[in-house]
C-alpha atoms as a PDB file:
ATOM      1  CA  MET A   1      -6.411   6.224 -13.334  1.00  0.00           C
ATOM      2  CA  GLU A   2      -9.134   8.170 -11.582  1.00  0.00           C
ATOM      3  CA  VAL A   3      -6.908   9.959  -8.673  1.00  0.00           C
ATOM      4  CA  LYS A   4      -7.326  13.490  -7.853  1.00  0.00           C
ATOM      5  CA  GLU A   5      -4.188  15.381  -7.096  1.00  0.00           C
ATOM      6  CA  PRO A   6      -4.064  17.282  -3.586  1.00  0.00           C
ATOM      7  CA  LEU A   7      -5.607  20.549  -4.397  1.00  0.00           C
ATOM      8  CA  PHE A   8      -7.745  22.604  -1.835  1.00  0.00           C
ATOM      9  CA  GLU A   9     -10.757  22.521  -4.063  1.00  0.00           C
ATOM     10  CA  TYR A  10     -10.973  19.003  -4.421  1.00  0.00           C
ATOM     11  CA  VAL A  11     -11.419  17.945  -0.703  1.00  0.00           C
ATOM     12  CA  SER A  12     -14.986  17.821  -0.055  1.00  0.00           C
ATOM     13  CA  PRO A  13     -16.213  19.313   3.476  1.00  0.00           C
ATOM     14  CA  HIS A  14     -18.691  16.746   3.808  1.00  0.00           C
ATOM     15  CA  ILE A  15     -16.175  14.143   4.016  1.00  0.00           C
ATOM     16  CA  THR A  16     -15.528  12.605   7.695  1.00  0.00           C
ATOM     17  CA  THR A  17     -12.195  11.906   8.651  1.00  0.00           C
ATOM     18  CA  ASP A  18     -11.505  10.836  12.182  1.00  0.00           C
ATOM     19  CA  VAL A  19      -8.170  10.108  14.014  1.00  0.00           C
ATOM     20  CA  VAL A  20      -8.688   7.960  17.238  1.00  0.00           C
ATOM     21  CA  CYS A  21      -5.674   7.767  19.535  1.00  0.00           C
ATOM     22  CA  GLY A  22      -5.896   4.465  21.498  1.00  0.00           C
ATOM     23  CA  GLU A  23      -5.552   0.784  21.295  1.00  0.00           C
ATOM     24  CA  SER A  24      -7.171  -0.730  18.340  1.00  0.00           C
ATOM     25  CA  LYS A  25      -8.566  -4.043  20.492  1.00  0.00           C
ATOM     26  CA  SER A  26     -10.623  -1.764  22.758  1.00  0.00           C
ATOM     27  CA  ILE A  27     -11.759   0.908  20.453  1.00  0.00           C
ATOM     28  CA  LEU A  28     -12.942  -1.599  17.919  1.00  0.00           C
ATOM     29  CA  LYS A  29     -15.257  -2.880  20.237  1.00  0.00           C
ATOM     30  CA  ASN A  30     -17.497   0.225  20.344  1.00  0.00           C
ATOM     31  CA  ILE A  31     -17.900   0.522  16.494  1.00  0.00           C
ATOM     32  CA  ASP A  32     -20.978  -0.485  14.946  1.00  0.00           C
ATOM     33  CA  ASP A  33     -21.176  -3.739  12.914  1.00  0.00           C
ATOM     34  CA  GLU A  34     -20.429  -3.823   9.413  1.00  0.00           C
ATOM     35  CA  LYS A  35     -19.509  -0.037   8.982  1.00  0.00           C
ATOM     36  CA  PHE A  36     -16.556  -0.296   6.891  1.00  0.00           C
ATOM     37  CA  ASP A  37     -16.199  -1.228   3.213  1.00  0.00           C
ATOM     38  CA  LEU A  38     -12.771  -1.208   3.255  1.00  0.00           C
ATOM     39  CA  ILE A  39     -10.241  -2.005   6.164  1.00  0.00           C
ATOM     40  CA  ILE A  40      -6.326  -1.155   4.981  1.00  0.00           C
ATOM     41  CA  THR A  41      -3.504  -1.397   7.120  1.00  0.00           C
ATOM     42  CA  SER A  42       0.143  -2.615   7.585  1.00  0.00           C
ATOM     43  CA  PRO A  43       0.155  -4.096  11.163  1.00  0.00           C
ATOM     44  CA  PRO A  44       3.259  -3.862  13.513  1.00  0.00           C
ATOM     45  CA  TYR A  45       5.710  -6.722  12.189  1.00  0.00           C
ATOM     46  CA  ASN A  46       6.889  -7.742  15.523  1.00  0.00           C
ATOM     47  CA  ILE A  47      10.382  -6.674  14.980  1.00  0.00           C
ATOM     48  CA  GLY A  48      11.061  -4.571  17.893  1.00  0.00           C
ATOM     49  CA  LYS A  49      10.299  -1.000  16.578  1.00  0.00           C
ATOM     50  CA  SER A  50       9.974   1.752  19.007  1.00  0.00           C
ATOM     51  CA  TYR A  51       6.165   1.307  19.114  1.00  0.00           C
ATOM     52  CA  GLU A  52       6.123  -2.476  19.478  1.00  0.00           C
ATOM     53  CA  VAL A  53       7.068  -4.728  22.016  1.00  0.00           C
ATOM     54  CA  LYS A  54       8.615  -7.950  20.543  1.00  0.00           C
ATOM     55  CA  GLN A  55       6.978 -11.160  21.428  1.00  0.00           C
ATOM     56  CA  SER A  56       7.133 -14.869  20.460  1.00  0.00           C
ATOM     57  CA  ILE A  57       5.771 -15.421  17.139  1.00  0.00           C
ATOM     58  CA  GLU A  58       2.843 -17.404  18.513  1.00  0.00           C
ATOM     59  CA  GLN A  59       2.129 -14.536  20.944  1.00  0.00           C
ATOM     60  CA  TYR A  60       2.091 -12.062  18.292  1.00  0.00           C
ATOM     61  CA  LEU A  61      -0.068 -13.972  16.039  1.00  0.00           C
ATOM     62  CA  GLY A  62      -2.615 -14.752  19.093  1.00  0.00           C
ATOM     63  CA  THR A  63      -2.880 -11.084  19.625  1.00  0.00           C
ATOM     64  CA  GLN A  64      -3.354 -10.189  16.232  1.00  0.00           C
ATOM     65  CA  LYS A  65      -6.070 -12.509  15.706  1.00  0.00           C
ATOM     66  CA  GLU A  66      -7.800 -11.103  18.569  1.00  0.00           C
ATOM     67  CA  ILE A  67      -8.042  -7.671  16.646  1.00  0.00           C
ATOM     68  CA  ILE A  68      -8.872  -9.302  13.243  1.00  0.00           C
ATOM     69  CA  SER A  69     -11.879 -10.844  14.796  1.00  0.00           C
ATOM     70  CA  GLU A  70     -12.895  -7.474  15.372  1.00  0.00           C
ATOM     71  CA  LEU A  71     -12.150  -6.289  12.189  1.00  0.00           C
ATOM     72  CA  VAL A  72     -14.186  -9.046  10.541  1.00  0.00           C
ATOM     73  CA  ARG A  73     -17.223  -8.140  12.450  1.00  0.00           C
ATOM     74  CA  VAL A  74     -17.236  -4.315  11.463  1.00  0.00           C
ATOM     75  CA  LEU A  75     -16.508  -5.136   7.825  1.00  0.00           C
ATOM     76  CA  SER A  76     -19.602  -4.848   5.491  1.00  0.00           C
ATOM     77  CA  ARG A  77     -20.985  -7.874   3.600  1.00  0.00           C
ATOM     78  CA  GLN A  78     -19.496  -6.286   0.469  1.00  0.00           C
ATOM     79  CA  GLY A  79     -16.371  -5.286   2.011  1.00  0.00           C
ATOM     80  CA  SER A  80     -12.625  -6.220   1.696  1.00  0.00           C
ATOM     81  CA  ILE A  81      -9.579  -6.238   4.129  1.00  0.00           C
ATOM     82  CA  CYS A  82      -5.995  -5.425   2.568  1.00  0.00           C
ATOM     83  CA  TRP A  83      -3.391  -6.477   4.847  1.00  0.00           C
ATOM     84  CA  GLN A  84       0.014  -5.374   3.984  1.00  0.00           C
ATOM     85  CA  VAL A  85       2.707  -7.383   5.751  1.00  0.00           C
ATOM     86  CA  GLY A  86       6.847  -8.004   5.278  1.00  0.00           C
ATOM     87  CA  ASN A  87       8.558 -10.959   7.124  1.00  0.00           C
ATOM     88  CA  TYR A  88       9.107 -11.452  10.676  1.00  0.00           C
ATOM     89  CA  VAL A  89      12.927 -12.480  11.343  1.00  0.00           C
ATOM     90  CA  ASP A  90      14.417 -14.010  14.504  1.00  0.00           C
ATOM     91  CA  LYS A  91      18.013 -14.850  14.989  1.00  0.00           C
ATOM     92  CA  GLY A  92      18.464 -14.591  11.078  1.00  0.00           C
ATOM     93  CA  GLU A  93      15.486 -16.945  10.197  1.00  0.00           C
ATOM     94  CA  VAL A  94      12.630 -15.269   8.206  1.00  0.00           C
ATOM     95  CA  PHE A  95       9.071 -16.031   9.044  1.00  0.00           C
ATOM     96  CA  PRO A  96       6.841 -14.820   5.991  1.00  0.00           C
ATOM     97  CA  LEU A  97       4.176 -13.394   7.758  1.00  0.00           C
ATOM     98  CA  ASP A  98       1.419 -13.510   5.186  1.00  0.00           C
ATOM     99  CA  ILE A  99       1.778 -17.292   4.978  1.00  0.00           C
ATOM    100  CA  TYR A 100       0.748 -17.131   8.910  1.00  0.00           C
ATOM    101  CA  TYR A 101      -1.906 -14.314   8.528  1.00  0.00           C
ATOM    102  CA  TYR A 102      -3.677 -16.130   5.570  1.00  0.00           C
ATOM    103  CA  GLN A 103      -4.675 -19.126   8.000  1.00  0.00           C
ATOM    104  CA  ILE A 104      -6.048 -16.373  10.616  1.00  0.00           C
ATOM    105  CA  PHE A 105      -8.220 -14.702   7.957  1.00  0.00           C
ATOM    106  CA  LYS A 106      -9.259 -18.341   6.396  1.00  0.00           C
ATOM    107  CA  THR A 107     -10.400 -19.532   9.857  1.00  0.00           C
ATOM    108  CA  LEU A 108     -12.667 -16.418  10.513  1.00  0.00           C
ATOM    109  CA  GLY A 109     -14.504 -17.282   7.067  1.00  0.00           C
ATOM    110  CA  LEU A 110     -12.824 -14.490   4.656  1.00  0.00           C
ATOM    111  CA  ARG A 111     -11.852 -15.432   0.975  1.00  0.00           C
ATOM    112  CA  LEU A 112      -8.463 -14.414  -0.534  1.00  0.00           C
ATOM    113  CA  ARG A 113      -8.981 -12.638  -3.832  1.00  0.00           C
ATOM    114  CA  ASN A 114      -5.555 -11.870  -4.635  1.00  0.00           C
ATOM    115  CA  ARG A 115      -1.837 -12.024  -2.882  1.00  0.00           C
ATOM    116  CA  ILE A 116      -0.192  -8.834  -4.359  1.00  0.00           C
ATOM    117  CA  ILE A 117       3.410  -8.329  -4.412  1.00  0.00           C
ATOM    118  CA  TRP A 118       4.627  -4.787  -3.703  1.00  0.00           C
ATOM    119  CA  HIS A 119       8.261  -4.560  -5.005  1.00  0.00           C
ATOM    120  CA  PHE A 120      10.477  -1.298  -4.267  1.00  0.00           C
ATOM    121  CA  GLY A 121      13.994  -0.576  -5.288  1.00  0.00           C
ATOM    122  CA  HIS A 122      15.173   0.202  -2.091  1.00  0.00           C
ATOM    123  CA  GLY A 123      14.993  -1.583   1.117  1.00  0.00           C
ATOM    124  CA  LEU A 124      16.951  -3.188   4.157  1.00  0.00           C
ATOM    125  CA  HIS A 125      20.249  -4.064   3.116  1.00  0.00           C
ATOM    126  CA  ALA A 126      21.406  -7.675   4.375  1.00  0.00           C
ATOM    127  CA  SER A 127      24.860  -9.456   4.533  1.00  0.00           C
ATOM    128  CA  ASN A 128      23.881 -13.042   5.214  1.00  0.00           C
ATOM    129  CA  ARG A 129      20.770 -13.271   2.684  1.00  0.00           C
ATOM    130  CA  PHE A 130      19.575 -11.372  -0.277  1.00  0.00           C
ATOM    131  CA  SER A 131      18.344  -7.919   0.492  1.00  0.00           C
ATOM    132  CA  GLY A 132      14.534  -7.675   0.820  1.00  0.00           C
ATOM    133  CA  ARG A 133      12.774  -6.003  -2.058  1.00  0.00           C
ATOM    134  CA  TYR A 134       9.295  -6.526  -1.636  1.00  0.00           C
ATOM    135  CA  GLU A 135       6.293  -7.056   0.787  1.00  0.00           C
ATOM    136  CA  THR A 136       2.820  -8.338   0.288  1.00  0.00           C
ATOM    137  CA  ILE A 137      -0.552  -7.391   0.253  1.00  0.00           C
ATOM    138  CA  LEU A 138      -3.323 -10.021   0.995  1.00  0.00           C
ATOM    139  CA  TRP A 139      -6.631  -8.947  -0.233  1.00  0.00           C
ATOM    140  CA  PHE A 140      -9.589 -10.676   1.391  1.00  0.00           C
ATOM    141  CA  THR A 141     -13.446 -10.206   0.855  1.00  0.00           C
ATOM    142  CA  LYS A 142     -16.055 -11.210   3.355  1.00  0.00           C
ATOM    143  CA  SER A 143     -18.676 -12.519   0.717  1.00  0.00           C
ATOM    144  CA  ASP A 144     -18.645 -13.634  -3.000  1.00  0.00           C
ATOM    145  CA  GLU A 145     -20.455 -10.016  -3.553  1.00  0.00           C
ATOM    146  CA  TYR A 146     -17.893  -7.477  -3.030  1.00  0.00           C
ATOM    147  CA  ILE A 147     -17.063  -3.890  -4.173  1.00  0.00           C
ATOM    148  CA  PHE A 148     -14.576  -3.945  -7.155  1.00  0.00           C
ATOM    149  CA  ASN A 149     -14.308  -1.073  -9.365  1.00  0.00           C
ATOM    150  CA  LEU A 150     -11.813  -2.185 -12.037  1.00  0.00           C
ATOM    151  CA  ASP A 151     -12.370   0.584 -14.503  1.00  0.00           C
ATOM    152  CA  ASN A 152     -10.678   3.039 -11.775  1.00  0.00           C
ATOM    153  CA  VAL A 153      -7.630   1.456 -11.999  1.00  0.00           C
ATOM    154  CA  ARG A 154      -7.237   0.078 -15.362  1.00  0.00           C
ATOM    155  CA  VAL A 155      -3.832   0.664 -17.106  1.00  0.00           C
ATOM    156  CA  PRO A 156      -3.329   1.572 -20.802  1.00  0.00           C
ATOM    157  CA  SER A 157      -3.113  -1.186 -23.018  1.00  0.00           C
ATOM    158  CA  LYS A 158       0.399  -1.986 -24.682  1.00  0.00           C
ATOM    159  CA  TYR A 159      -1.340  -2.871 -27.877  1.00  0.00           C
ATOM    160  CA  PRO A 160      -4.655  -1.055 -28.078  1.00  0.00           C
ATOM    161  CA  GLY A 161      -5.066  -1.845 -31.577  1.00  0.00           C
ATOM    162  CA  LYS A 162      -5.084  -5.786 -31.094  1.00  0.00           C
ATOM    163  CA  LEU A 163      -8.360  -7.149 -32.957  1.00  0.00           C
ATOM    164  CA  HIS A 164     -10.271 -10.578 -32.613  1.00  0.00           C
ATOM    165  CA  PHE A 165      -9.212 -12.847 -35.377  1.00  0.00           C
ATOM    166  CA  LYS A 166     -12.217 -15.077 -35.353  1.00  0.00           C
ATOM    167  CA  GLY A 167     -15.884 -15.240 -34.215  1.00  0.00           C
ATOM    168  CA  ASP A 168     -18.410 -12.992 -34.041  1.00  0.00           C
ATOM    169  CA  LYS A 169     -16.125 -10.012 -33.228  1.00  0.00           C
ATOM    170  CA  LYS A 170     -13.421 -10.577 -35.977  1.00  0.00           C
ATOM    171  CA  GLY A 171     -11.972  -7.610 -37.062  1.00  0.00           C
ATOM    172  CA  LEU A 172     -13.116  -5.591 -33.787  1.00  0.00           C
ATOM    173  CA  PRO A 173     -10.896  -4.212 -31.048  1.00  0.00           C
ATOM    174  CA  SER A 174     -10.456  -7.055 -28.735  1.00  0.00           C
ATOM    175  CA  GLY A 175      -9.397  -4.905 -25.592  1.00  0.00           C
ATOM    176  CA  ASN A 176     -11.232  -2.688 -23.234  1.00  0.00           C
ATOM    177  CA  PRO A 177     -11.091   1.021 -24.575  1.00  0.00           C
ATOM    178  CA  LEU A 178     -10.599   2.272 -20.828  1.00  0.00           C
ATOM    179  CA  GLY A 179      -7.206   0.059 -20.533  1.00  0.00           C
ATOM    180  CA  LYS A 180      -6.476  -3.509 -19.140  1.00  0.00           C
ATOM    181  CA  ASN A 181      -6.576  -4.735 -15.936  1.00  0.00           C
ATOM    182  CA  PRO A 182      -3.393  -4.540 -13.980  1.00  0.00           C
ATOM    183  CA  SER A 183      -1.252  -7.334 -12.617  1.00  0.00           C
ATOM    184  CA  ASP A 184      -1.085  -8.530  -9.178  1.00  0.00           C
ATOM    185  CA  ILE A 185       2.653  -7.609  -9.107  1.00  0.00           C
ATOM    186  CA  TRP A 186       2.488  -3.660  -7.952  1.00  0.00           C
ATOM    187  CA  GLU A 187       5.902  -1.941  -9.119  1.00  0.00           C
ATOM    188  CA  ILE A 188       4.060   1.461  -9.410  1.00  0.00           C
ATOM    189  CA  VAL A 189       4.944   4.102 -11.974  1.00  0.00           C
ATOM    190  CA  ALA A 190       7.277   4.402 -14.807  1.00  0.00           C
ATOM    191  CA  GLN A 191       6.726   0.988 -16.721  1.00  0.00           C
ATOM    192  CA  ASP A 192       3.557   0.708 -15.082  1.00  0.00           C
ATOM    193  CA  TRP A 193       1.712   1.568 -18.234  1.00  0.00           C
ATOM    194  CA  GLU A 194       3.590  -0.790 -20.630  1.00  0.00           C
ATOM    195  CA  ASN A 195       4.496  -3.834 -18.486  1.00  0.00           C
ATOM    196  CA  GLU A 196       1.560  -4.091 -16.000  1.00  0.00           C
ATOM    197  CA  LEU A 197       4.107  -3.757 -13.255  1.00  0.00           C
ATOM    198  CA  TRP A 198       3.075  -1.230 -10.367  1.00  0.00           C
ATOM    199  CA  ASN A 199       6.190  -0.147  -8.982  1.00  0.00           C
ATOM    200  CA  ILE A 200       5.595   2.197  -5.921  1.00  0.00           C
ATOM    201  CA  PRO A 201       8.715   3.580  -4.017  1.00  0.00           C
ATOM    202  CA  ASN A 202       8.800   2.937  -0.638  1.00  0.00           C
ATOM    203  CA  VAL A 203       9.015   6.049   1.700  1.00  0.00           C
ATOM    204  CA  LYS A 204      12.665   6.759   2.643  1.00  0.00           C
ATOM    205  CA  SER A 205      14.361   9.803   3.578  1.00  0.00           C
ATOM    206  CA  ASN A 206      13.983  11.535   0.370  1.00  0.00           C
ATOM    207  CA  HIS A 207      10.428  10.607  -0.360  1.00  0.00           C
ATOM    208  CA  PRO A 208       8.264  13.832  -0.530  1.00  0.00           C
ATOM    209  CA  GLU A 209       5.631  12.228   2.163  1.00  0.00           C
ATOM    210  CA  LYS A 210       8.624  11.321   5.073  1.00  0.00           C
ATOM    211  CA  THR A 211       7.554  11.864   8.369  1.00  0.00           C
ATOM    212  CA  GLU A 212       9.597  10.475  11.648  1.00  0.00           C
ATOM    213  CA  HIS A 213       7.593   7.114  11.385  1.00  0.00           C
ATOM    214  CA  PRO A 214      10.032   4.455  10.748  1.00  0.00           C
ATOM    215  CA  CYS A 215       7.659   2.218   8.690  1.00  0.00           C
ATOM    216  CA  GLN A 216       5.338   4.723   6.848  1.00  0.00           C
ATOM    217  CA  PHE A 217       3.665   3.388   3.566  1.00  0.00           C
ATOM    218  CA  PRO A 218       3.028   5.557   0.800  1.00  0.00           C
ATOM    219  CA  VAL A 219      -0.307   7.070  -0.037  1.00  0.00           C
ATOM    220  CA  GLU A 220      -0.368   5.906  -3.382  1.00  0.00           C
ATOM    221  CA  LEU A 221      -0.417   2.164  -2.295  1.00  0.00           C
ATOM    222  CA  VAL A 222      -3.357   2.974  -0.372  1.00  0.00           C
ATOM    223  CA  GLU A 223      -5.083   4.892  -3.307  1.00  0.00           C
ATOM    224  CA  ARG A 224      -5.023   1.739  -5.575  1.00  0.00           C
ATOM    225  CA  CYS A 225      -6.887  -0.168  -3.222  1.00  0.00           C
ATOM    226  CA  VAL A 226      -9.624   2.630  -2.122  1.00  0.00           C
ATOM    227  CA  LEU A 227     -10.407   3.390  -5.866  1.00  0.00           C
ATOM    228  CA  ALA A 228     -10.651  -0.299  -6.698  1.00  0.00           C
ATOM    229  CA  LEU A 229     -12.499  -1.469  -3.650  1.00  0.00           C
ATOM    230  CA  THR A 230     -14.772   1.450  -2.537  1.00  0.00           C
ATOM    231  CA  ASN A 231     -17.296   3.523  -3.815  1.00  0.00           C
ATOM    232  CA  THR A 232     -17.695   7.301  -3.301  1.00  0.00           C
ATOM    233  CA  LYS A 233     -18.763   8.003   0.570  1.00  0.00           C
ATOM    234  CA  SER A 234     -17.817   4.588   1.405  1.00  0.00           C
ATOM    235  CA  TRP A 235     -16.464   4.138   5.049  1.00  0.00           C
ATOM    236  CA  VAL A 236     -12.479   3.260   5.037  1.00  0.00           C
ATOM    237  CA  LEU A 237     -10.639   1.973   8.265  1.00  0.00           C
ATOM    238  CA  ASP A 238      -7.062   1.807   9.311  1.00  0.00           C
ATOM    239  CA  PRO A 239      -6.815   0.214  12.842  1.00  0.00           C
ATOM    240  CA  PHE A 240      -2.874   0.826  12.842  1.00  0.00           C
ATOM    241  CA  ALA A 241      -3.115   4.363  11.136  1.00  0.00           C
ATOM    242  CA  GLY A 242       0.444   5.601  11.834  1.00  0.00           C
ATOM    243  CA  VAL A 243       0.814   8.917  10.421  1.00  0.00           C
ATOM    244  CA  GLY A 244      -2.609   8.760   8.466  1.00  0.00           C
ATOM    245  CA  SER A 245      -1.576   7.821   4.879  1.00  0.00           C
ATOM    246  CA  THR A 246      -4.784   5.714   4.397  1.00  0.00           C
ATOM    247  CA  LEU A 247      -6.747   8.690   5.841  1.00  0.00           C
ATOM    248  CA  LEU A 248      -5.250  10.921   3.202  1.00  0.00           C
ATOM    249  CA  ALA A 249      -5.822   8.536   0.349  1.00  0.00           C
ATOM    250  CA  ALA A 250      -9.535   8.228   1.384  1.00  0.00           C
ATOM    251  CA  LEU A 251      -9.780  11.960   1.718  1.00  0.00           C
ATOM    252  CA  LYS A 252      -8.689  12.823  -1.662  1.00  0.00           C
ATOM    253  CA  ASN A 253     -10.910  10.503  -3.083  1.00  0.00           C
ATOM    254  CA  GLU A 254     -14.173  11.288  -1.381  1.00  0.00           C
ATOM    255  CA  ARG A 255     -14.360   8.383   1.161  1.00  0.00           C
ATOM    256  CA  HIS A 256     -15.058   8.773   4.716  1.00  0.00           C
ATOM    257  CA  SER A 257     -12.147   7.239   7.039  1.00  0.00           C
ATOM    258  CA  MET A 258     -11.325   6.614  10.359  1.00  0.00           C
ATOM    259  CA  GLY A 259      -7.873   5.692  11.923  1.00  0.00           C
ATOM    260  CA  ILE A 260      -6.687   4.127  14.991  1.00  0.00           C
ATOM    261  CA  GLU A 261      -3.358   4.609  16.144  1.00  0.00           C
ATOM    262  CA  LYS A 262      -1.880   4.209  19.907  1.00  0.00           C
ATOM    263  CA  GLU A 263       1.174   6.492  19.446  1.00  0.00           C
ATOM    264  CA  SER A 264       0.017  10.220  20.560  1.00  0.00           C
ATOM    265  CA  ASN A 265       2.992  11.827  18.502  1.00  0.00           C
ATOM    266  CA  TYR A 266       1.878   9.843  15.299  1.00  0.00           C
ATOM    267  CA  CYS A 267      -1.749  11.187  15.833  1.00  0.00           C
ATOM    268  CA  ALA A 268      -0.727  14.454  15.974  1.00  0.00           C
ATOM    269  CA  ILE A 269       1.126  14.003  12.732  1.00  0.00           C
ATOM    270  CA  ALA A 270      -1.707  12.554  10.893  1.00  0.00           C
ATOM    271  CA  GLU A 271      -3.917  15.410  12.044  1.00  0.00           C
ATOM    272  CA  GLN A 272      -1.404  17.817  10.696  1.00  0.00           C
ATOM    273  CA  ARG A 273      -1.002  16.148   7.488  1.00  0.00           C
ATOM    274  CA  ILE A 274      -4.788  16.048   7.024  1.00  0.00           C
ATOM    275  CA  LYS A 275      -4.864  19.690   7.882  1.00  0.00           C
ATOM    276  CA  ASP A 276      -2.238  20.322   5.374  1.00  0.00           C
ATOM    277  CA  LEU A 277      -4.026  18.402   2.773  1.00  0.00           C
ATOM    278  CA  LYS A 278      -7.336  20.405   3.111  1.00  0.00           C
ATOM    279  CA  ASP A 279      -5.058  23.681   2.920  1.00  0.00           C
ATOM    280  CA  GLY A 280      -3.503  22.652  -0.413  1.00  0.00           C
ATOM    281  CA  ARG A 281       0.062  22.402   1.342  1.00  0.00           C
ATOM    282  CA  LEU A 282       0.636  18.709   1.572  1.00  0.00           C
ATOM    283  CA  LYS A 283       3.413  17.246  -0.451  1.00  0.00           C
ATOM    284  CA  ILE A 284       1.946  13.661  -1.986  1.00  0.00           C
ATOM    285  CA  ARG A 285       3.962  11.813  -4.515  1.00  0.00           C
ATOM    286  CA  PRO A 286       1.592  11.607  -7.835  1.00  0.00           C
ATOM    287  CA  ILE A 287       0.507   8.371  -8.463  1.00  0.00           C
ATOM    288  CA  ASN A 288       1.849   8.146 -12.026  1.00  0.00           C
ATOM    289  CA  LYS A 289       5.134   9.812 -11.379  1.00  0.00           C
ATOM    290  CA  PRO A 290       8.153   7.954 -12.798  1.00  0.00           C
ATOM    291  CA  ILE A 291      10.962   6.640 -10.629  1.00  0.00           C
ATOM    292  CA  HIS A 292      14.070   8.643 -11.143  1.00  0.00           C
ATOM    293  CA  ILE A 293      16.809   6.927 -12.987  1.00  0.00           C
ATOM    294  CA  PRO A 294      20.136   8.277 -12.701  1.00  0.00           C
ATOM    295  CA  SER A 295      22.227   9.147 -15.877  1.00  0.00           C
ATOM    296  CA  ALA A 296      25.646   8.060 -16.614  1.00  0.00           C
ATOM    297  CA  ASN A 297      26.715  11.311 -15.680  1.00  0.00           C
ATOM    298  CA  ASP A 298      25.143  11.660 -12.196  1.00  0.00           C
ATOM    299  CA  LYS A 299      27.874  11.487  -9.510  1.00  0.00           C
ATOM    300  CA  VAL A 300      25.775   8.756  -7.444  1.00  0.00           C
ATOM    301  CA  ALA A 301      26.005   6.480 -10.766  1.00  0.00           C
ATOM    302  CA  LYS A 302      29.651   6.705 -11.015  1.00  0.00           C
ATOM    303  CA  ILE A 303      32.201   4.074  -9.662  1.00  0.00           C
ATOM    304  CA  PRO A 304      34.140   5.767  -6.514  1.00  0.00           C
ATOM    305  CA  GLY A 305      37.769   6.448  -7.383  1.00  0.00           C
ATOM    306  CA  GLU A 306      38.974   4.268  -4.515  1.00  0.00           C
ATOM    307  CA  TRP A 307      36.984   1.175  -6.087  1.00  0.00           C
ATOM    308  CA  LYS A 308      38.419   1.735  -9.622  1.00  0.00           C
ATOM    309  CA  SER A 309      41.821   1.872  -8.338  1.00  0.00           C
ATOM    310  CA  GLU A 310      41.272  -1.370  -6.069  1.00  0.00           C
ATOM    311  CA  ASN A 311      39.414  -3.523  -8.438  1.00  0.00           C
ATOM    312  CA  GLY A 312      40.542  -2.153 -11.746  1.00  0.00           C
ATOM    313  CA  LEU A 313      37.011  -1.273 -12.859  1.00  0.00           C
ATOM    314  CA  LYS A 314      36.244   1.227 -15.835  1.00  0.00           C
ATOM    315  CA  PRO A 315      35.162   4.609 -14.988  1.00  0.00           C
ATOM    316  CA  ASN A 316      31.467   5.570 -15.122  1.00  0.00           C
ATOM    317  CA  THR A 317      30.021   2.172 -15.388  1.00  0.00           C
ATOM    318  CA  LEU A 318      26.636   1.686 -14.252  1.00  0.00           C
ATOM    319  CA  PHE A 319      25.690  -1.015 -11.727  1.00  0.00           C
ATOM    320  CA  GLU A 320      22.331  -2.636 -12.610  1.00  0.00           C
ATOM    321  CA  ILE A 321      20.629  -3.350  -9.328  1.00  0.00           C
END
């Protein structure tokens, strides 16, 4: 995995990183055609967060289609759009947004290359349905000739010594010396390198990247896409930039970037995070850091005494969740 840790000497002074505070719909109209090789974002989910006004699903998708039309215009012929979404919930009914968005992108002529599942271990709890533990990334391209640097994101093979058993290559290694192609289920880290699952923890209270943004996505989630779908010095756009995670992923890997964000406080946080990255002070979760698994002796792994007395559970039993 060709990822650089956030050290001062790795941040090139020749890389442009722009935070533009304003509405995407109006700002995009002033951007040149085909400027960006990658557009990656997590749009508002229309669930009533502080930075959005909840609309009907029809109104919400209509507004999004107007913005996506502009995004397709500013996307290069060799470019990709990665659209990371979860679910819209209305009166307890779940509307899977990736299904609705697929129709929009397809109508605008884009081609779906992967529907990537991002799995995380902690999320919103529920009482009337199962707790949600995944979101999706729709990866679209504008044409059939697109940037795809697979070697940048290969993972080590589980069986590197496996050989061809027949044909002209019989007896020779059958894999790629740089590793294998990751799967389309991203669980990023820990067992990544053995099970093809990319297990990226979402940004919760104890995550080193946590800011005041309620739906912040992790830098390493963006980095995988930046490394695979752009070249050095490519331009990357996030039209709903939040606190700048996309810009950080681009900057630390020598890609130019622009982020558009309508909330001024988030723009200020993004600017500060960029400055901290350049100064070598920003905390970013390393892309291959294993996820912590508590031991049997950790307090959080033990059954509370109240539960044991009420239910007759054995002490120190670990729940597998």
